[in-house]
Amino acid sequence: MFVNMDADHSRFKKIIRGRVKSDLKGYITRGNLVTRLHQGGGRKQRVSIPLPSIELPRFAYGQPGENGSGTEEVGQGKGNVGDELKVAPGEGDKPGQGGKPSDKESEKVLEDAITLEELAELLGEELELPRIEDKGNKASLHKQRKSYSGIASQGPDSLKHFKRTYRTALKRSLASGIYDPLKPPVVIPIREDQRYRSFHVQEQPVSQAAIIYMMDVSGSMGEEQKELVRLSGFWLDTWLTSQYKDLERRFIIHDATAKVVDEKVFYRTKESGGTLISSAYRKAVEVIDKEFPADEWNIYLFHFSDGDNWSGNDTEECLHLLESVLLPAANLFGYGQTESRYGSGQFYGELNRRFGSEEKVIIRNMTHRDDIIDTLKAFLGTGR
């Protein structure tokens, strides 16, 4: 019997994709995908999906009526369909013999089930996200591409060009007088007649993007607020990685001062000081000036805070930095304000009053995990 393993695997992948898509909003808000990343790079990095209700088929061995009985046998003992399996006393403690029964449902995780590229595609379908528009002038890196448009006199047999070889041999025969037009044509190429396809390296512009994450880590930002930021950042990354060949990330934390840190420090740091939001915006300006020229990079700015700023003067400086420097350089500025019992939240209102009608500025409140989905749709739904 012939078994088409590729077709079976393809059908199984479709089942997994359907299950993931049906529960994608749950994955977004629960965050269990974020902790299941496998090593890898870019779009091909894989994510393990917990699918407790999918069982892989297994063969059951044994024939009815063995040992002279007319009953069905289960494993090595006799029994009827539906009989409960029992473990002999003491056997549950031996390796490979099972264990004590439990009332907890076991979670079966299907490893390497889906790539980030596939996950981004599902995210786009679920949230109805538009593809990001090509900005045209924001592409400076060049990717090399081989174009087999040339002809060479040397090369491997796999690249031999028959027509050009025959033409060269015919020209040689005509020039040397070997060719007789009154006789049936006989053209035999020699080694010097052989021609091969050759490639030229061409450079193509590649769109590149940079995400600058900024987060308030002052004492008023608790663990739940940071978890909202962590989950949002993962899904923002997932989508933008699918849209750009080259994506850079920078992480800025701030209280009264700001500094650039790595991703682990970004999500784990907690300070006890006050907040000067302008320190983060000034640091973002420095990063852009040094690393990401605005005419070459698609720049995305995402800032997360509880909206508690030290003074109105600092808030005014933030608005000035946005208006004069950051917004002209960026494709998008997204501000997500988490709710904190210690924060005043006044920054949200000031941003909304100044930039509420600005296409590049998206402002959202993030009170609960359920707000993550609306925030993602608002941040990414513009197609910028």
Protein backbone atom coordinates (compact mmCIF):
# COMPACT_ATOMS: atom_id res chain seq x y z
CA MET A 1 0.00 0.00 0.00
CA PHE A 2 1.37 3.41 -1.00
CA VAL A 3 1.20 6.14 1.65
CA ASN A 4 1.69 9.73 0.55
CA MET A 5 3.46 11.16 3.59
CA ASP A 6 3.79 14.63 2.05
CA ALA A 7 0.05 14.86 1.46
CA ASP A 8 -0.69 13.64 4.99
CA HIS A 9 1.75 16.16 6.46
CA SER A 10 0.20 18.94 4.39
CA ARG A 11 -3.29 18.07 5.61
CA PHE A 12 -2.07 17.96 9.19
CA LYS A 13 -0.43 21.39 8.80
CA LYS A 14 -3.75 22.76 7.52
CA ILE A 15 -5.48 21.39 10.60
CA ILE A 16 -2.93 23.07 12.86
CA ARG A 17 -3.21 26.34 10.95
CA GLY A 18 -6.98 26.27 11.34
CA ARG A 19 -6.76 25.63 15.06
CA VAL A 20 -4.22 28.38 15.60
CA LYS A 21 -6.27 30.85 13.56
CA SER A 22 -9.47 30.03 15.44
CA ASP A 23 -7.79 30.78 18.77
CA LEU A 24 -5.36 33.47 17.64
CA LYS A 25 -6.93 36.21 19.76
CA GLY A 26 -6.45 33.99 22.79
CA TYR A 27 -2.78 33.53 21.94
CA ILE A 28 -2.38 37.30 21.54
CA THR A 29 -3.76 38.10 24.97
CA ARG A 30 -2.43 35.08 26.91
CA GLY A 31 1.13 35.37 25.74
CA ASN A 32 1.92 31.64 25.74
CA LEU A 33 3.40 31.92 22.27
CA VAL A 34 5.89 34.55 23.38
CA THR A 35 7.55 32.09 25.75
CA ARG A 36 7.69 29.29 23.18
CA LEU A 37 10.12 30.74 20.66
CA HIS A 38 12.75 28.45 19.16
CA GLN A 39 16.19 29.49 18.07
CA GLY A 40 16.32 30.74 14.52
CA GLY A 41 16.51 33.88 12.50
CA GLY A 42 13.99 36.35 11.15
CA ARG A 43 10.90 35.03 9.41
CA LYS A 44 11.92 31.37 9.69
CA GLN A 45 12.08 31.40 13.46
CA ARG A 46 9.61 28.85 14.76
CA VAL A 47 7.02 28.91 17.51
CA SER A 48 5.68 25.91 19.41
CA ILE A 49 1.91 25.90 19.63
CA PRO A 50 0.15 24.31 22.62
CA LEU A 51 -2.72 22.28 21.15
CA PRO A 52 -3.98 20.01 23.96
CA SER A 53 -6.94 18.62 21.99
CA ILE A 54 -5.05 17.36 18.91
CA GLU A 55 -4.07 13.70 19.18
CA LEU A 56 -1.69 12.03 16.77
CA PRO A 57 -3.00 8.66 15.46
CA ARG A 58 -1.34 5.55 16.87
CA PHE A 59 -1.45 1.86 15.98
CA ALA A 60 -3.07 -0.54 18.46
CA TYR A 61 -1.60 -4.03 18.46
CA GLY A 62 -3.28 -7.33 19.26
CA GLN A 63 -5.97 -9.57 17.78
CA PRO A 64 -9.34 -10.49 19.23
CA GLY A 65 -9.64 -13.99 20.62
CA GLU A 66 -5.97 -14.58 21.39
CA ASN A 67 -5.17 -17.22 24.03
CA GLY A 68 -8.33 -19.10 23.15
CA SER A 69 -10.80 -16.50 24.50
CA GLY A 70 -13.60 -14.86 22.62
CA THR A 71 -13.15 -11.44 24.19
CA GLU A 72 -11.21 -8.45 23.02
CA GLU A 73 -7.78 -8.06 24.55
CA VAL A 74 -6.27 -4.71 25.51
CA GLY A 75 -2.49 -4.62 25.68
CA GLN A 76 -1.39 -7.84 27.36
CA GLY A 77 -4.51 -8.58 29.36
CA LYS A 78 -8.04 -9.64 28.62
CA GLY A 79 -10.88 -7.18 28.50
CA ASN A 80 -13.88 -5.86 26.66
CA VAL A 81 -14.32 -2.59 24.79
CA GLY A 82 -14.77 0.21 27.31
CA ASP A 83 -13.14 -1.62 30.22
CA GLU A 84 -11.06 0.60 32.48
CA LEU A 85 -7.32 -0.03 32.42
CA LYS A 86 -5.88 -0.71 35.86
CA VAL A 87 -2.30 -0.54 37.07
CA ALA A 88 -1.12 -3.23 39.43
CA PRO A 89 0.04 -2.04 42.86
CA GLY A 90 3.57 -0.74 42.77
CA GLU A 91 3.82 -0.71 38.99
CA GLY A 92 3.03 2.98 38.72
CA ASP A 93 6.35 3.85 40.36
CA LYS A 94 8.48 1.92 37.88
CA PRO A 95 9.96 3.71 34.85
CA GLY A 96 7.86 3.13 31.77
CA GLN A 97 4.98 1.60 33.75
CA GLY A 98 2.83 4.70 34.16
CA GLY A 99 2.16 6.64 37.30
CA LYS A 100 -0.51 7.72 39.73
CA PRO A 101 -3.71 8.99 38.15
CA SER A 102 -4.27 12.75 38.10
CA ASP A 103 -7.32 14.93 37.60
CA LYS A 104 -5.25 17.48 35.63
CA GLU A 105 -5.43 17.51 31.86
CA SER A 106 -2.02 17.06 30.30
CA GLU A 107 -0.90 19.65 27.77
CA LYS A 108 0.54 18.22 24.58
CA VAL A 109 2.69 20.71 22.74
CA LEU A 110 3.31 20.29 19.04
CA GLU A 111 6.91 21.44 18.56
CA ASP A 112 8.02 23.54 15.58
CA ALA A 113 4.49 23.84 14.33
CA ILE A 114 4.57 27.23 12.70
CA THR A 115 7.04 29.91 11.59
CA LEU A 116 6.84 33.57 12.50
CA GLU A 117 6.16 34.30 8.83
CA GLU A 118 3.11 32.02 8.91
CA LEU A 119 2.06 33.53 12.24
CA ALA A 120 2.26 37.02 10.75
CA GLU A 121 0.07 35.92 7.87
CA LEU A 122 -2.55 34.63 10.30
CA LEU A 123 -2.32 37.87 12.29
CA GLY A 124 -2.90 39.90 9.13
CA GLU A 125 -5.92 37.81 8.21
CA GLU A 126 -7.43 37.91 11.69
CA LEU A 127 -6.99 41.66 12.22
CA GLU A 128 -7.52 42.50 8.52
CA LEU A 129 -4.23 44.36 8.37
CA PRO A 130 -3.23 46.00 5.08
CA ARG A 131 0.19 45.36 3.59
CA ILE A 132 2.60 48.19 4.38
CA GLU A 133 2.87 50.69 1.54
CA ASP A 134 6.17 50.96 -0.29
CA LYS A 135 7.70 54.33 0.56
CA GLY A 136 9.92 54.27 -2.51
CA ASN A 137 12.84 56.41 -1.40
CA LYS A 138 13.42 54.59 1.90
CA ALA A 139 15.64 51.80 0.64
CA SER A 140 19.41 51.90 0.59
CA LEU A 141 20.70 48.42 1.31
CA HIS A 142 21.34 46.43 -1.84
CA LYS A 143 20.80 42.72 -2.26
CA GLN A 144 22.86 40.83 -4.82
CA ARG A 145 20.98 38.80 -7.41
CA LYS A 146 22.41 36.49 -10.06
CA SER A 147 21.11 37.06 -13.58
CA TYR A 148 22.06 34.42 -16.20
CA SER A 149 22.12 36.83 -19.11
CA GLY A 150 25.72 36.48 -20.32
CA ILE A 151 27.64 34.00 -22.47
CA ALA A 152 31.07 32.58 -21.59
CA SER A 153 33.49 30.21 -23.34
CA GLN A 154 33.94 28.17 -20.16
CA GLY A 155 31.53 26.73 -17.66
CA PRO A 156 29.87 23.58 -16.33
CA ASP A 157 27.96 21.25 -18.65
CA SER A 158 24.74 22.08 -16.78
CA LEU A 159 24.96 25.65 -18.15
CA LYS A 160 25.88 24.74 -21.72
CA HIS A 161 24.05 26.92 -24.27
CA PHE A 162 23.23 24.66 -27.25
CA LYS A 163 22.13 27.32 -29.73
CA ARG A 164 25.13 29.55 -29.13
CA THR A 165 27.47 26.55 -29.30
CA TYR A 166 25.95 25.44 -32.62
CA ARG A 167 26.08 28.97 -34.02
CA THR A 168 29.76 29.30 -33.13
CA ALA A 169 30.55 25.92 -34.70
CA LEU A 170 28.64 26.89 -37.86
CA LYS A 171 30.55 30.16 -38.18
CA ARG A 172 33.82 28.28 -37.84
CA SER A 173 32.77 25.76 -40.49
CA LEU A 174 31.80 28.54 -42.92
CA ALA A 175 34.99 30.50 -42.30
CA SER A 176 37.23 27.46 -42.79
CA GLY A 177 35.41 26.18 -45.92
CA ILE A 178 34.41 22.91 -44.27
CA TYR A 179 30.71 23.59 -44.65
CA ASP A 180 29.24 22.55 -48.03
CA PRO A 181 25.75 23.95 -48.63
CA LEU A 182 25.11 21.37 -51.39
CA LYS A 183 25.44 18.48 -48.98
CA PRO A 184 23.40 17.60 -45.91
CA PRO A 185 24.59 19.96 -43.17
CA VAL A 186 27.02 18.39 -40.75
CA VAL A 187 28.21 20.70 -37.99
CA ILE A 188 30.27 19.11 -35.24
CA PRO A 189 31.25 21.47 -32.42
CA ILE A 190 34.75 21.21 -31.07
CA ARG A 191 35.91 22.29 -27.64
CA GLU A 192 36.61 25.86 -28.73
CA ASP A 193 33.00 26.18 -29.96
CA GLN A 194 31.40 25.41 -26.60
CA ARG A 195 29.43 28.28 -25.08
CA TYR A 196 27.91 28.49 -21.61
CA ARG A 197 25.43 30.68 -19.85
CA SER A 198 27.10 32.99 -17.35
CA PHE A 199 25.63 35.16 -14.64
CA HIS A 200 26.02 38.79 -13.76
CA VAL A 201 25.61 40.01 -10.20
CA GLN A 202 22.98 42.72 -10.01
CA GLU A 203 22.23 44.85 -6.99
CA GLN A 204 18.66 45.57 -6.01
CA PRO A 205 17.46 48.03 -3.37
CA VAL A 206 16.01 46.46 -0.23
CA SER A 207 13.50 48.21 2.00
CA GLN A 208 14.74 48.44 5.55
CA ALA A 209 13.01 49.42 8.75
CA ALA A 210 13.87 50.27 12.33
CA ILE A 211 11.62 49.98 15.37
CA ILE A 212 12.43 52.13 18.38
CA TYR A 213 10.60 50.97 21.48
CA MET A 214 10.38 53.36 24.42
CA MET A 215 9.01 52.40 27.82
CA ASP A 216 8.49 54.17 31.10
CA VAL A 217 10.13 52.09 33.84
CA SER A 218 9.45 54.44 36.73
CA GLY A 219 7.98 53.20 39.99
CA SER A 220 4.40 53.66 38.80
CA MET A 221 4.78 51.02 36.06
CA GLY A 222 3.99 47.59 37.52
CA GLU A 223 4.54 44.06 36.22
CA GLU A 224 1.13 43.82 34.57
CA GLN A 225 1.75 47.05 32.67
CA LYS A 226 5.09 45.68 31.43
CA GLU A 227 3.43 42.45 30.37
CA LEU A 228 1.02 44.44 28.19
CA VAL A 229 4.05 46.11 26.59
CA ARG A 230 5.87 42.79 26.14
CA LEU A 231 2.94 41.13 24.39
CA SER A 232 2.30 44.15 22.19
CA GLY A 233 5.97 44.32 21.23
CA PHE A 234 6.06 40.64 20.23
CA TRP A 235 3.12 40.99 17.82
CA LEU A 236 4.33 44.33 16.43
CA ASP A 237 7.67 42.64 15.72
CA THR A 238 5.97 39.64 14.13
CA TRP A 239 4.02 41.76 11.65
CA LEU A 240 6.75 44.24 10.75
CA THR A 241 9.30 41.44 10.28
CA SER A 242 6.98 39.97 7.65
CA GLN A 243 6.87 43.30 5.80
CA TYR A 244 10.58 44.16 5.63
CA LYS A 245 13.64 42.22 4.53
CA ASP A 246 15.80 44.06 7.04
CA LEU A 247 14.45 45.08 10.44
CA GLU A 248 16.46 46.65 13.26
CA ARG A 249 15.25 47.20 16.81
CA ARG A 250 16.34 49.58 19.53
CA PHE A 251 15.03 49.64 23.10
CA ILE A 252 14.93 52.76 25.26
CA ILE A 253 13.92 52.78 28.92
CA HIS A 254 13.32 55.95 30.86
CA ASP A 255 12.33 57.39 34.20
CA ALA A 256 13.86 60.81 34.80
CA THR A 257 16.67 59.84 32.42
CA ALA A 258 16.77 57.55 29.38
CA LYS A 259 19.21 54.97 28.03
CA VAL A 260 19.41 52.41 25.24
CA VAL A 261 19.37 48.81 26.51
CA ASP A 262 18.98 45.31 25.10
CA GLU A 263 15.64 43.53 24.88
CA LYS A 264 15.98 41.52 28.10
CA VAL A 265 16.81 44.58 30.17
CA PHE A 266 14.01 46.50 28.48
CA TYR A 267 11.30 44.17 29.77
CA ARG A 268 12.79 43.43 33.19
CA THR A 269 14.03 46.77 34.48
CA LYS A 270 12.08 48.56 37.21
CA GLU A 271 13.13 51.88 38.66
CA SER A 272 11.70 53.88 41.53
CA GLY A 273 12.30 57.40 40.30
CA GLY A 274 10.03 59.94 38.68
CA THR A 275 9.30 60.44 35.01
CA LEU A 276 10.60 62.86 32.39
CA ILE A 277 9.22 61.57 29.10
CA SER A 278 11.27 64.04 27.07
CA SER A 279 14.43 62.13 28.05
CA ALA A 280 13.21 59.16 25.98
CA TYR A 281 12.31 61.33 22.99
CA ARG A 282 15.71 63.04 23.05
CA LYS A 283 17.39 59.64 23.16
CA ALA A 284 15.28 58.51 20.20
CA VAL A 285 16.45 61.56 18.25
CA GLU A 286 20.07 60.60 19.01
CA VAL A 287 19.53 57.03 17.81
CA ILE A 288 17.92 58.17 14.56
CA ASP A 289 20.65 60.71 13.86
CA LYS A 290 23.46 58.20 14.46
CA GLU A 291 22.03 54.98 13.03
CA PHE A 292 18.90 55.45 10.92
CA PRO A 293 18.91 58.37 8.46
CA ALA A 294 15.29 59.23 7.82
CA ASP A 295 15.69 59.27 4.03
CA GLU A 296 16.97 55.67 4.03
CA TRP A 297 15.00 53.96 6.79
CA ASN A 298 11.34 53.28 7.52
CA ILE A 299 11.21 54.27 11.19
CA TYR A 300 8.56 53.13 13.66
CA LEU A 301 8.33 54.67 17.10
CA PHE A 302 6.33 52.99 19.87
CA HIS A 303 6.12 54.52 23.33
CA PHE A 304 4.45 52.89 26.34
CA SER A 305 3.82 54.72 29.58
CA ASP A 306 1.21 55.28 32.26
CA GLY A 307 1.10 58.91 31.18
CA ASP A 308 2.44 60.39 34.40
CA ASN A 309 4.93 63.16 33.58
CA TRP A 310 6.71 65.36 36.08
CA SER A 311 5.72 68.72 34.70
CA GLY A 312 3.75 70.52 32.04
CA ASN A 313 6.96 72.09 30.76
CA ASP A 314 8.41 68.65 30.05
CA THR A 315 5.22 67.59 28.30
CA GLU A 316 5.48 70.67 26.10
CA GLU A 317 9.05 69.75 25.22
CA CYS A 318 7.87 66.25 24.26
CA LEU A 319 5.25 67.70 21.92
CA HIS A 320 7.86 69.97 20.37
CA LEU A 321 10.30 67.09 19.78
CA LEU A 322 7.55 65.06 18.15
CA GLU A 323 6.38 67.88 15.92
CA SER A 324 9.79 69.15 14.82
CA VAL A 325 11.97 66.02 14.64
CA LEU A 326 10.41 62.63 15.33
CA LEU A 327 7.22 62.74 13.27
CA PRO A 328 8.91 64.09 10.12
CA ALA A 329 11.41 61.21 10.35
CA ALA A 330 8.97 58.42 11.20
CA ASN A 331 6.45 56.35 9.31
CA LEU A 332 4.41 55.95 12.45
CA PHE A 333 4.35 56.99 16.11
CA GLY A 334 2.27 54.74 18.34
CA TYR A 335 1.58 55.66 21.96
CA GLY A 336 0.08 53.02 24.25
CA GLN A 337 -0.94 54.24 27.69
CA THR A 338 -1.28 51.61 30.39
CA GLU A 339 -3.48 52.24 33.38
CA SER A 340 -1.75 52.60 36.73
CA ARG A 341 -3.20 53.52 40.10
CA TYR A 342 -0.13 55.68 40.69
CA GLY A 343 -0.10 57.51 37.36
CA SER A 344 -2.11 60.60 36.44
CA GLY A 345 -2.44 59.65 32.76
CA GLN A 346 -2.39 63.31 31.68
CA PHE A 347 0.06 62.74 28.82
CA TYR A 348 -2.59 60.91 26.79
CA GLY A 349 -4.85 63.96 26.74
CA GLU A 350 -2.03 66.32 25.77
CA LEU A 351 -0.99 64.09 22.88
CA ASN A 352 -4.54 63.74 21.71
CA ARG A 353 -5.15 67.49 21.76
CA ARG A 354 -2.03 68.26 19.74
CA PHE A 355 -1.91 65.29 17.35
CA GLY A 356 -5.36 63.74 17.43
CA SER A 357 -5.88 64.38 13.71
CA GLU A 358 -2.32 63.54 12.62
CA GLU A 359 -2.22 60.41 10.42
CA LYS A 360 1.18 59.33 11.69
CA VAL A 361 0.13 59.41 15.35
CA ILE A 362 -1.93 56.59 16.86
CA ILE A 363 -2.90 56.90 20.53
CA ARG A 364 -4.52 54.09 22.50
CA ASN A 365 -5.39 53.24 26.10
CA MET A 366 -4.30 49.79 27.26
CA THR A 367 -6.13 48.93 30.46
CA HIS A 368 -6.47 45.17 30.11
CA ARG A 369 -4.94 42.42 27.96
CA ASP A 370 -8.04 42.42 25.79
CA ASP A 371 -7.03 45.93 24.69
CA ILE A 372 -3.91 44.55 23.00
CA ILE A 373 -5.88 43.40 19.95
CA ASP A 374 -7.47 46.82 19.37
CA THR A 375 -4.10 48.49 19.94
CA LEU A 376 -2.38 46.27 17.36
CA LYS A 377 -5.13 46.86 14.84
CA ALA A 378 -4.90 50.63 15.37
CA PHE A 379 -1.08 50.75 15.20
CA LEU A 380 -0.77 48.50 12.15
CA GLY A 381 -4.06 49.14 10.39
CA THR A 382 -2.91 52.31 8.66
CA GLY A 383 -0.58 50.44 6.29
CA ARG A 384 2.15 53.01 6.88
